[in-house]
Full PDB file with SEQRES, HELIX, SHEET, SSBOND, CRYST1, ORIGX, SCALE, CONECT and MASTER records, all heavy atoms in Angstrom:
SEQRES   1 A   38  LEU SER ARG ASN VAL MET ASN TRP TYR ARG GLN ALA PRO          
SEQRES   2 A   38  GLY LYS GLN ARG GLU LEU VAL ALA GLY VAL THR LEU ALA          
SEQRES   3 A   38  GLY ARG ALA ASN TYR ALA ASP ALA VAL LYS ASP ARG              
SHEET    1 AA1 3 MET A   6  ARG A  10  0                                        
SHEET    2 AA1 3 GLU A  18  VAL A  23 -1                                        
SHEET    3 AA1 3 ALA A  29  TYR A  31 -1                                        
CRYST1    1.000    1.000    1.000  90.00  90.00  90.00 P 1           1          
ORIGX1      1.000000  0.000000  0.000000        0.00000                         
ORIGX2      0.000000  1.000000  0.000000        0.00000                         
ORIGX3      0.000000  0.000000  1.000000        0.00000                         
SCALE1      1.000000  0.000000  0.000000        0.00000                         
SCALE2      0.000000  1.000000  0.000000        0.00000                         
SCALE3      0.000000  0.000000  1.000000        0.00000                         
ATOM      1  N   LEU A   1     142.494  73.072 112.196  1.00  0.00           N  
ATOM      2  CA  LEU A   1     141.506  72.332 111.434  1.00  0.00           C  
ATOM      3  C   LEU A   1     140.350  73.196 110.967  1.00  0.00           C  
ATOM      4  O   LEU A   1     139.747  72.914 109.933  1.00  0.00           O  
ATOM      5  CB  LEU A   1     140.979  71.150 112.243  1.00  0.00           C  
ATOM      6  CG  LEU A   1     141.734  69.834 112.082  1.00  0.00           C  
ATOM      7  CD1 LEU A   1     143.156  69.947 112.614  1.00  0.00           C  
ATOM      8  CD2 LEU A   1     140.990  68.716 112.782  1.00  0.00           C  
ATOM      9  N   SER A   2     140.024  74.229 111.696  1.00  0.00           N  
ATOM     10  CA  SER A   2     138.919  75.104 111.337  1.00  0.00           C  
ATOM     11  C   SER A   2     139.323  76.185 110.349  1.00  0.00           C  
ATOM     12  O   SER A   2     138.459  76.871 109.800  1.00  0.00           O  
ATOM     13  CB  SER A   2     138.303  75.735 112.584  1.00  0.00           C  
ATOM     14  OG  SER A   2     139.236  76.582 113.239  1.00  0.00           O  
ATOM     15  N   ARG A   3     140.598  76.332 110.112  1.00  0.00           N  
ATOM     16  CA  ARG A   3     141.098  77.404 109.256  1.00  0.00           C  
ATOM     17  C   ARG A   3     141.787  76.919 107.992  1.00  0.00           C  
ATOM     18  O   ARG A   3     142.140  77.741 107.141  1.00  0.00           O  
ATOM     19  CB  ARG A   3     142.077  78.281 110.043  1.00  0.00           C  
ATOM     20  CG  ARG A   3     141.452  79.039 111.192  1.00  0.00           C  
ATOM     21  CD  ARG A   3     142.503  79.824 111.957  1.00  0.00           C  
ATOM     22  NE  ARG A   3     141.923  80.595 113.048  1.00  0.00           N  
ATOM     23  CZ  ARG A   3     141.518  81.854 112.943  1.00  0.00           C  
ATOM     24  NH1 ARG A   3     141.643  82.507 111.791  1.00  0.00           N  
ATOM     25  NH2 ARG A   3     140.998  82.466 113.992  1.00  0.00           N  
ATOM     26  N   ASN A   4     141.984  75.621 107.863  1.00  0.00           N  
ATOM     27  CA  ASN A   4     142.792  75.102 106.771  1.00  0.00           C  
ATOM     28  C   ASN A   4     142.183  73.870 106.137  1.00  0.00           C  
ATOM     29  O   ASN A   4     141.518  73.070 106.795  1.00  0.00           O  
ATOM     30  CB  ASN A   4     144.196  74.740 107.270  1.00  0.00           C  
ATOM     31  CG  ASN A   4     144.961  75.928 107.788  1.00  0.00           C  
ATOM     32  OD1 ASN A   4     145.622  76.624 107.022  1.00  0.00           O  
ATOM     33  ND2 ASN A   4     144.883  76.157 109.088  1.00  0.00           N  
ATOM     34  N   VAL A   5     142.423  73.738 104.856  1.00  0.00           N  
ATOM     35  CA  VAL A   5     142.243  72.450 104.202  1.00  0.00           C  
ATOM     36  C   VAL A   5     143.322  71.519 104.740  1.00  0.00           C  
ATOM     37  O   VAL A   5     144.480  71.911 104.876  1.00  0.00           O  
ATOM     38  CB  VAL A   5     142.363  72.584 102.681  1.00  0.00           C  
ATOM     39  CG1 VAL A   5     142.358  71.214 102.015  1.00  0.00           C  
ATOM     40  CG2 VAL A   5     141.240  73.458 102.140  1.00  0.00           C  
ATOM     41  N   MET A   6     142.942  70.305 105.063  1.00  0.00           N  
ATOM     42  CA  MET A   6     143.875  69.335 105.593  1.00  0.00           C  
ATOM     43  C   MET A   6     144.135  68.253 104.558  1.00  0.00           C  
ATOM     44  O   MET A   6     143.200  67.732 103.944  1.00  0.00           O  
ATOM     45  CB  MET A   6     143.343  68.711 106.882  1.00  0.00           C  
ATOM     46  CG  MET A   6     143.036  69.715 107.981  1.00  0.00           C  
ATOM     47  SD  MET A   6     144.467  70.726 108.468  1.00  0.00           S  
ATOM     48  CE  MET A   6     145.572  69.466 109.113  1.00  0.00           C  
ATOM     49  N   ASN A   7     145.397  67.932 104.393  1.00  0.00           N  
ATOM     50  CA  ASN A   7     145.803  66.963 103.384  1.00  0.00           C  
ATOM     51  C   ASN A   7     146.765  65.942 103.974  1.00  0.00           C  
ATOM     52  O   ASN A   7     147.465  66.213 104.951  1.00  0.00           O  
ATOM     53  CB  ASN A   7     146.509  67.649 102.214  1.00  0.00           C  
ATOM     54  CG  ASN A   7     145.655  68.691 101.538  1.00  0.00           C  
ATOM     55  OD1 ASN A   7     144.561  68.392 101.066  1.00  0.00           O  
ATOM     56  ND2 ASN A   7     146.156  69.921 101.461  1.00  0.00           N  
ATOM     57  N   TRP A   8     146.775  64.794 103.351  1.00  0.00           N  
ATOM     58  CA  TRP A   8     147.828  63.819 103.557  1.00  0.00           C  
ATOM     59  C   TRP A   8     148.629  63.688 102.269  1.00  0.00           C  
ATOM     60  O   TRP A   8     148.058  63.493 101.193  1.00  0.00           O  
ATOM     61  CB  TRP A   8     147.271  62.446 103.943  1.00  0.00           C  
ATOM     62  CG  TRP A   8     146.782  62.365 105.346  1.00  0.00           C  
ATOM     63  CD1 TRP A   8     145.507  62.506 105.785  1.00  0.00           C  
ATOM     64  CD2 TRP A   8     147.573  62.109 106.511  1.00  0.00           C  
ATOM     65  NE1 TRP A   8     145.442  62.352 107.147  1.00  0.00           N  
ATOM     66  CE2 TRP A   8     146.707  62.110 107.617  1.00  0.00           C  
ATOM     67  CE3 TRP A   8     148.935  61.879 106.721  1.00  0.00           C  
ATOM     68  CZ2 TRP A   8     147.148  61.888 108.925  1.00  0.00           C  
ATOM     69  CZ3 TRP A   8     149.376  61.666 108.018  1.00  0.00           C  
ATOM     70  CH2 TRP A   8     148.490  61.669 109.091  1.00  0.00           C  
ATOM     71  N   TYR A   9     149.919  63.827 102.391  1.00  0.00           N  
ATOM     72  CA  TYR A   9     150.849  63.583 101.306  1.00  0.00           C  
ATOM     73  C   TYR A   9     151.709  62.378 101.655  1.00  0.00           C  
ATOM     74  O   TYR A   9     151.780  61.959 102.809  1.00  0.00           O  
ATOM     75  CB  TYR A   9     151.767  64.783 101.082  1.00  0.00           C  
ATOM     76  CG  TYR A   9     151.149  65.963 100.379  1.00  0.00           C  
ATOM     77  CD1 TYR A   9     150.344  66.865 101.056  1.00  0.00           C  
ATOM     78  CD2 TYR A   9     151.400  66.195  99.023  1.00  0.00           C  
ATOM     79  CE1 TYR A   9     149.793  67.962 100.410  1.00  0.00           C  
ATOM     80  CE2 TYR A   9     150.855  67.287  98.373  1.00  0.00           C  
ATOM     81  CZ  TYR A   9     150.058  68.163  99.075  1.00  0.00           C  
ATOM     82  OH  TYR A   9     149.518  69.261  98.428  1.00  0.00           O  
ATOM     83  N   ARG A  10     152.367  61.851 100.651  1.00  0.00           N  
ATOM     84  CA  ARG A  10     153.339  60.803 100.903  1.00  0.00           C  
ATOM     85  C   ARG A  10     154.498  60.947  99.927  1.00  0.00           C  
ATOM     86  O   ARG A  10     154.354  61.506  98.849  1.00  0.00           O  
ATOM     87  CB  ARG A  10     152.726  59.407 100.786  1.00  0.00           C  
ATOM     88  CG  ARG A  10     152.301  59.012  99.378  1.00  0.00           C  
ATOM     89  CD  ARG A  10     151.592  57.665  99.395  1.00  0.00           C  
ATOM     90  NE  ARG A  10     151.193  57.240  98.064  1.00  0.00           N  
ATOM     91  CZ  ARG A  10     150.441  56.173  97.830  1.00  0.00           C  
ATOM     92  NH1 ARG A  10     150.002  55.416  98.838  1.00  0.00           N  
ATOM     93  NH2 ARG A  10     150.125  55.853  96.572  1.00  0.00           N  
ATOM     94  N   GLN A  11     155.631  60.442 100.339  1.00  0.00           N  
ATOM     95  CA  GLN A  11     156.800  60.455  99.492  1.00  0.00           C  
ATOM     96  C   GLN A  11     157.551  59.144  99.654  1.00  0.00           C  
ATOM     97  O   GLN A  11     158.018  58.814 100.741  1.00  0.00           O  
ATOM     98  CB  GLN A  11     157.720  61.627  99.815  1.00  0.00           C  
ATOM     99  CG  GLN A  11     158.874  61.784  98.837  1.00  0.00           C  
ATOM    100  CD  GLN A  11     159.555  63.131  98.945  1.00  0.00           C  
ATOM    101  OE1 GLN A  11     159.451  63.813  99.962  1.00  0.00           O  
ATOM    102  NE2 GLN A  11     160.257  63.527  97.891  1.00  0.00           N  
ATOM    103  N   ALA A  12     157.636  58.413  98.567  1.00  0.00           N  
ATOM    104  CA  ALA A  12     158.380  57.173  98.536  1.00  0.00           C  
ATOM    105  C   ALA A  12     159.800  57.455  98.071  1.00  0.00           C  
ATOM    106  O   ALA A  12     160.058  58.463  97.396  1.00  0.00           O  
ATOM    107  CB  ALA A  12     157.711  56.166  97.607  1.00  0.00           C  
ATOM    108  N   PRO A  13     160.745  56.589  98.409  1.00  0.00           N  
ATOM    109  CA  PRO A  13     162.127  56.803  97.978  1.00  0.00           C  
ATOM    110  C   PRO A  13     162.233  56.962  96.468  1.00  0.00           C  
ATOM    111  O   PRO A  13     161.685  56.163  95.711  1.00  0.00           O  
ATOM    112  CB  PRO A  13     162.845  55.539  98.451  1.00  0.00           C  
ATOM    113  CG  PRO A  13     162.031  55.067  99.614  1.00  0.00           C  
ATOM    114  CD  PRO A  13     160.613  55.392  99.255  1.00  0.00           C  
ATOM    115  N   GLY A  14     162.924  58.006  96.046  1.00  0.00           N  
ATOM    116  CA  GLY A  14     163.132  58.251  94.636  1.00  0.00           C  
ATOM    117  C   GLY A  14     161.943  58.826  93.898  1.00  0.00           C  
ATOM    118  O   GLY A  14     161.996  58.974  92.676  1.00  0.00           O  
ATOM    119  N   LYS A  15     160.875  59.145  94.614  1.00  0.00           N  
ATOM    120  CA  LYS A  15     159.678  59.674  93.982  1.00  0.00           C  
ATOM    121  C   LYS A  15     159.341  61.053  94.532  1.00  0.00           C  
ATOM    122  O   LYS A  15     159.785  61.436  95.601  1.00  0.00           O  
ATOM    123  CB  LYS A  15     158.494  58.730  94.189  1.00  0.00           C  
ATOM    124  CG  LYS A  15     158.656  57.361  93.548  1.00  0.00           C  
ATOM    125  CD  LYS A  15     157.409  56.526  93.729  1.00  0.00           C  
ATOM    126  CE  LYS A  15     157.546  55.176  93.063  1.00  0.00           C  
ATOM    127  NZ  LYS A  15     156.317  54.353  93.241  1.00  0.00           N  
ATOM    128  N   GLN A  16     158.553  61.777  93.771  1.00  0.00           N  
ATOM    129  CA  GLN A  16     158.096  63.085  94.203  1.00  0.00           C  
ATOM    130  C   GLN A  16     157.023  62.951  95.275  1.00  0.00           C  
ATOM    131  O   GLN A  16     156.335  61.935  95.367  1.00  0.00           O  
ATOM    132  CB  GLN A  16     157.546  63.881  93.019  1.00  0.00           C  
ATOM    133  CG  GLN A  16     158.578  64.267  91.976  1.00  0.00           C  
ATOM    134  CD  GLN A  16     157.981  65.118  90.877  1.00  0.00           C  
ATOM    135  OE1 GLN A  16     156.821  64.955  90.506  1.00  0.00           O  
ATOM    136  NE2 GLN A  16     158.780  66.040  90.353  1.00  0.00           N  
ATOM    137  N   ARG A  17     156.917  63.982  96.085  1.00  0.00           N  
ATOM    138  CA  ARG A  17     155.848  64.037  97.063  1.00  0.00           C  
ATOM    139  C   ARG A  17     154.505  64.026  96.349  1.00  0.00           C  
ATOM    140  O   ARG A  17     154.294  64.752  95.375  1.00  0.00           O  
ATOM    141  CB  ARG A  17     156.000  65.288  97.919  1.00  0.00           C  
ATOM    142  CG  ARG A  17     155.029  65.377  99.078  1.00  0.00           C  
ATOM    143  CD  ARG A  17     155.298  66.626  99.892  1.00  0.00           C  
ATOM    144  NE  ARG A  17     155.175  67.826  99.085  1.00  0.00           N  
ATOM    145  CZ  ARG A  17     155.507  69.047  99.492  1.00  0.00           C  
ATOM    146  NH1 ARG A  17     156.003  69.221 100.712  1.00  0.00           N  
ATOM    147  NH2 ARG A  17     155.351  70.086  98.684  1.00  0.00           N  
ATOM    148  N   GLU A  18     153.597  63.225  96.840  1.00  0.00           N  
ATOM    149  CA  GLU A  18     152.325  62.984  96.187  1.00  0.00           C  
ATOM    150  C   GLU A  18     151.174  63.298  97.128  1.00  0.00           C  
ATOM    151  O   GLU A  18     151.166  62.872  98.280  1.00  0.00           O  
ATOM    152  CB  GLU A  18     152.250  61.512  95.747  1.00  0.00           C  
ATOM    153  CG  GLU A  18     150.919  61.063  95.196  1.00  0.00           C  
ATOM    154  CD  GLU A  18     150.838  59.565  95.008  1.00  0.00           C  
ATOM    155  OE1 GLU A  18     151.611  58.838  95.678  1.00  0.00           O  
ATOM    156  OE2 GLU A  18     150.020  59.113  94.190  1.00  0.00           O  
ATOM    157  N   LEU A  19     150.207  64.030  96.620  1.00  0.00           N  
ATOM    158  CA  LEU A  19     148.984  64.267  97.381  1.00  0.00           C  
ATOM    159  C   LEU A  19     148.155  62.996  97.399  1.00  0.00           C  
ATOM    160  O   LEU A  19     147.792  62.465  96.346  1.00  0.00           O  
ATOM    161  CB  LEU A  19     148.185  65.417  96.776  1.00  0.00           C  
ATOM    162  CG  LEU A  19     146.836  65.724  97.423  1.00  0.00           C  
ATOM    163  CD1 LEU A  19     147.015  66.153  98.876  1.00  0.00           C  
ATOM    164  CD2 LEU A  19     146.102  66.811  96.641  1.00  0.00           C  
ATOM    165  N   VAL A  20     147.848  62.517  98.579  1.00  0.00           N  
ATOM    166  CA  VAL A  20     147.105  61.281  98.746  1.00  0.00           C  
ATOM    167  C   VAL A  20     145.623  61.544  98.955  1.00  0.00           C  
ATOM    168  O   VAL A  20     144.765  60.924  98.319  1.00  0.00           O  
ATOM    169  CB  VAL A  20     147.666  60.464  99.927  1.00  0.00           C  
ATOM    170  CG1 VAL A  20     146.831  59.213 100.164  1.00  0.00           C  
ATOM    171  CG2 VAL A  20     149.123  60.105  99.674  1.00  0.00           C  
ATOM    172  N   ALA A  21     145.316  62.439  99.861  1.00  0.00           N  
ATOM    173  CA  ALA A  21     143.932  62.727 100.206  1.00  0.00           C  
ATOM    174  C   ALA A  21     143.845  64.097 100.836  1.00  0.00           C  
ATOM    175  O   ALA A  21     144.806  64.584 101.431  1.00  0.00           O  
ATOM    176  CB  ALA A  21     143.369  61.666 101.160  1.00  0.00           C  
ATOM    177  N   GLY A  22     142.703  64.712 100.714  1.00  0.00           N  
ATOM    178  CA  GLY A  22     142.464  65.997 101.332  1.00  0.00           C  
ATOM    179  C   GLY A  22     141.027  66.125 101.775  1.00  0.00           C  
ATOM    180  O   GLY A  22     140.138  65.453 101.242  1.00  0.00           O  
ATOM    181  N   VAL A  23     140.809  66.972 102.757  1.00  0.00           N  
ATOM    182  CA  VAL A  23     139.462  67.256 103.226  1.00  0.00           C  
ATOM    183  C   VAL A  23     139.328  68.763 103.395  1.00  0.00           C  
ATOM    184  O   VAL A  23     140.186  69.412 103.994  1.00  0.00           O  
ATOM    185  CB  VAL A  23     139.131  66.487 104.530  1.00  0.00           C  
ATOM    186  CG1 VAL A  23     140.104  66.844 105.650  1.00  0.00           C  
ATOM    187  CG2 VAL A  23     137.691  66.744 104.955  1.00  0.00           C  
ATOM    188  N   THR A  24     138.261  69.321 102.835  1.00  0.00           N  
ATOM    189  CA  THR A  24     138.051  70.755 102.856  1.00  0.00           C  
ATOM    190  C   THR A  24     137.445  71.204 104.175  1.00  0.00           C  
ATOM    191  O   THR A  24     137.086  70.395 105.027  1.00  0.00           O  
ATOM    192  CB  THR A  24     137.135  71.184 101.710  1.00  0.00           C  
ATOM    193  OG1 THR A  24     135.811  70.691 101.957  1.00  0.00           O  
ATOM    194  CG2 THR A  24     137.630  70.647 100.374  1.00  0.00           C  
ATOM    195  N   LEU A  25     137.325  72.523 104.328  1.00  0.00           N  
ATOM    196  CA  LEU A  25     136.695  73.070 105.521  1.00  0.00           C  
ATOM    197  C   LEU A  25     135.263  72.576 105.676  1.00  0.00           C  
ATOM    198  O   LEU A  25     134.775  72.418 106.793  1.00  0.00           O  
ATOM    199  CB  LEU A  25     136.714  74.594 105.479  1.00  0.00           C  
ATOM    200  CG  LEU A  25     138.094  75.253 105.552  1.00  0.00           C  
ATOM    201  CD1 LEU A  25     137.975  76.750 105.329  1.00  0.00           C  
ATOM    202  CD2 LEU A  25     138.757  74.959 106.889  1.00  0.00           C  
ATOM    203  N   ALA A  26     134.605  72.332 104.552  1.00  0.00           N  
ATOM    204  CA  ALA A  26     133.231  71.850 104.570  1.00  0.00           C  
ATOM    205  C   ALA A  26     133.131  70.341 104.746  1.00  0.00           C  
ATOM    206  O   ALA A  26     132.025  69.813 104.834  1.00  0.00           O  
ATOM    207  CB  ALA A  26     132.506  72.267 103.296  1.00  0.00           C  
ATOM    208  N   GLY A  27     134.266  69.662 104.783  1.00  0.00           N  
ATOM    209  CA  GLY A  27     134.266  68.228 104.987  1.00  0.00           C  
ATOM    210  C   GLY A  27     134.277  67.399 103.729  1.00  0.00           C  
ATOM    211  O   GLY A  27     134.148  66.174 103.805  1.00  0.00           O  
ATOM    212  N   ARG A  28     134.435  68.030 102.579  1.00  0.00           N  
ATOM    213  CA  ARG A  28     134.489  67.287 101.334  1.00  0.00           C  
ATOM    214  C   ARG A  28     135.857  66.625 101.190  1.00  0.00           C  
ATOM    215  O   ARG A  28     136.888  67.274 101.328  1.00  0.00           O  
ATOM    216  CB  ARG A  28     134.234  68.207 100.149  1.00  0.00           C  
ATOM    217  CG  ARG A  28     134.151  67.483  98.814  1.00  0.00           C  
ATOM    218  CD  ARG A  28     134.021  68.478  97.677  1.00  0.00           C  
ATOM    219  NE  ARG A  28     132.803  69.269  97.811  1.00  0.00           N  
ATOM    220  CZ  ARG A  28     131.627  68.924  97.295  1.00  0.00           C  
ATOM    221  NH1 ARG A  28     131.511  67.801  96.597  1.00  0.00           N  
ATOM    222  NH2 ARG A  28     130.574  69.712  97.461  1.00  0.00           N  
ATOM    223  N   ALA A  29     135.858  65.347 100.899  1.00  0.00           N  
ATOM    224  CA  ALA A  29     137.083  64.574 100.785  1.00  0.00           C  
ATOM    225  C   ALA A  29     137.447  64.337  99.330  1.00  0.00           C  
ATOM    226  O   ALA A  29     136.572  64.149  98.476  1.00  0.00           O  
ATOM    227  CB  ALA A  29     136.940  63.241 101.508  1.00  0.00           C  
ATOM    228  N   ASN A  30     138.729  64.344  99.065  1.00  0.00           N  
ATOM    229  CA  ASN A  30     139.254  64.065  97.738  1.00  0.00           C  
ATOM    230  C   ASN A  30     140.412  63.093  97.866  1.00  0.00           C  
ATOM    231  O   ASN A  30     141.143  63.111  98.859  1.00  0.00           O  
ATOM    232  CB  ASN A  30     139.726  65.348  97.050  1.00  0.00           C  
ATOM    233  CG  ASN A  30     138.610  66.350  96.859  1.00  0.00           C  
ATOM    234  OD1 ASN A  30     137.759  66.186  95.996  1.00  0.00           O  
ATOM    235  ND2 ASN A  30     138.613  67.395  97.676  1.00  0.00           N  
ATOM    236  N   TYR A  31     140.583  62.260  96.837  1.00  0.00           N  
ATOM    237  CA  TYR A  31     141.593  61.218  96.892  1.00  0.00           C  
ATOM    238  C   TYR A  31     142.343  61.106  95.583  1.00  0.00           C  
ATOM    239  O   TYR A  31     141.783  61.314  94.506  1.00  0.00           O  
ATOM    240  CB  TYR A  31     140.962  59.862  97.208  1.00  0.00           C  
ATOM    241  CG  TYR A  31     140.206  59.840  98.500  1.00  0.00           C  
ATOM    242  CD1 TYR A  31     138.833  60.068  98.520  1.00  0.00           C  
ATOM    243  CD2 TYR A  31     140.861  59.601  99.700  1.00  0.00           C  
ATOM    244  CE1 TYR A  31     138.131  60.061  99.714  1.00  0.00           C  
ATOM    245  CE2 TYR A  31     140.172  59.591 100.898  1.00  0.00           C  
ATOM    246  CZ  TYR A  31     138.803  59.820 100.896  1.00  0.00           C  
ATOM    247  OH  TYR A  31     138.112  59.815 102.078  1.00  0.00           O  
ATOM    248  N   ALA A  32     143.608  60.751  95.702  1.00  0.00           N  
ATOM    249  CA  ALA A  32     144.355  60.377  94.525  1.00  0.00           C  
ATOM    250  C   ALA A  32     143.804  59.075  93.972  1.00  0.00           C  
ATOM    251  O   ALA A  32     143.324  58.214  94.718  1.00  0.00           O  
ATOM    252  CB  ALA A  32     145.838  60.222  94.862  1.00  0.00           C  
ATOM    253  N   ASP A  33     143.872  58.935  92.666  1.00  0.00           N  
ATOM    254  CA  ASP A  33     143.345  57.726  92.044  1.00  0.00           C  
ATOM    255  C   ASP A  33     143.980  56.459  92.617  1.00  0.00           C  
ATOM    256  O   ASP A  33     143.322  55.423  92.733  1.00  0.00           O  
ATOM    257  CB  ASP A  33     143.560  57.768  90.534  1.00  0.00           C  
ATOM    258  CG  ASP A  33     142.648  58.763  89.843  1.00  0.00           C  
ATOM    259  OD1 ASP A  33     141.632  59.160  90.441  1.00  0.00           O  
ATOM    260  OD2 ASP A  33     142.958  59.128  88.693  1.00  0.00           O  
ATOM    261  N   ALA A  34     145.250  56.538  92.981  1.00  0.00           N  
ATOM    262  CA  ALA A  34     145.963  55.367  93.455  1.00  0.00           C  
ATOM    263  C   ALA A  34     145.419  54.826  94.768  1.00  0.00           C  
ATOM    264  O   ALA A  34     145.626  53.649  95.082  1.00  0.00           O  
ATOM    265  CB  ALA A  34     147.454  55.683  93.602  1.00  0.00           C  
ATOM    266  N   VAL A  35     144.739  55.662  95.537  1.00  0.00           N  
ATOM    267  CA  VAL A  35     144.246  55.231  96.844  1.00  0.00           C  
ATOM    268  C   VAL A  35     142.734  55.277  96.947  1.00  0.00           C  
ATOM    269  O   VAL A  35     142.177  54.889  97.982  1.00  0.00           O  
ATOM    270  CB  VAL A  35     144.865  56.071  97.977  1.00  0.00           C  
ATOM    271  CG1 VAL A  35     146.377  56.056  97.884  1.00  0.00           C  
ATOM    272  CG2 VAL A  35     144.330  57.503  97.950  1.00  0.00           C  
ATOM    273  N   LYS A  36     142.081  55.738  95.913  1.00  0.00           N  
ATOM    274  CA  LYS A  36     140.625  55.850  95.934  1.00  0.00           C  
ATOM    275  C   LYS A  36     139.993  54.494  96.219  1.00  0.00           C  
ATOM    276  O   LYS A  36     140.411  53.481  95.675  1.00  0.00           O  
ATOM    277  CB  LYS A  36     140.142  56.419  94.607  1.00  0.00           C  
ATOM    278  CG  LYS A  36     138.706  56.900  94.605  1.00  0.00           C  
ATOM    279  CD  LYS A  36     138.397  57.679  93.333  1.00  0.00           C  
ATOM    280  CE  LYS A  36     139.261  58.933  93.233  1.00  0.00           C  
ATOM    281  NZ  LYS A  36     138.958  59.727  92.011  1.00  0.00           N  
ATOM    282  N   ASP A  37     139.000  54.487  97.064  1.00  0.00           N  
ATOM    283  CA  ASP A  37     138.262  53.295  97.481  1.00  0.00           C  
ATOM    284  C   ASP A  37     139.016  52.443  98.487  1.00  0.00           C  
ATOM    285  O   ASP A  37     138.497  51.421  98.951  1.00  0.00           O  
ATOM    286  CB  ASP A  37     137.834  52.427  96.297  1.00  0.00           C  
ATOM    287  CG  ASP A  37     136.942  53.166  95.318  1.00  0.00           C  
ATOM    288  OD1 ASP A  37     136.094  53.958  95.761  1.00  0.00           O  
ATOM    289  OD2 ASP A  37     137.095  52.945  94.096  1.00  0.00           O  
ATOM    290  N   ARG A  38     140.244  52.844  98.830  1.00  0.00           N  
ATOM    291  CA  ARG A  38     141.005  52.126  99.842  1.00  0.00           C  
ATOM    292  C   ARG A  38     141.298  52.975 101.071  1.00  0.00           C  
ATOM    293  O   ARG A  38     141.339  52.470 102.181  1.00  0.00           O  
ATOM    294  CB  ARG A  38     142.323  51.607  99.262  1.00  0.00           C  
ATOM    295  CG  ARG A  38     142.141  50.621  98.122  1.00  0.00           C  
ATOM    296  CD  ARG A  38     143.481  49.978  97.747  1.00  0.00           C  
ATOM    297  NE  ARG A  38     144.437  50.961  97.260  1.00  0.00           N  
ATOM    298  CZ  ARG A  38     145.604  51.237  97.842  1.00  0.00           C  
ATOM    299  NH1 ARG A  38     145.976  50.600  98.950  1.00  0.00           N  
ATOM    300  NH2 ARG A  38     146.422  52.136  97.311  1.00  0.00           N  
TER     301      ARG A  38                                                      
MASTER        0    0    0    0    3    0    0    6  300    1    0    3          
END                                                                             
């Protein structure tokens, strides 16, 4: 956790792997539009 950006991905059947959310070393969070605010 101290050396890497951490991400959550997901993959639904028949779909490509999708980046869902990530958090940087500094704690900045980013979200895919599909999950933003949820």
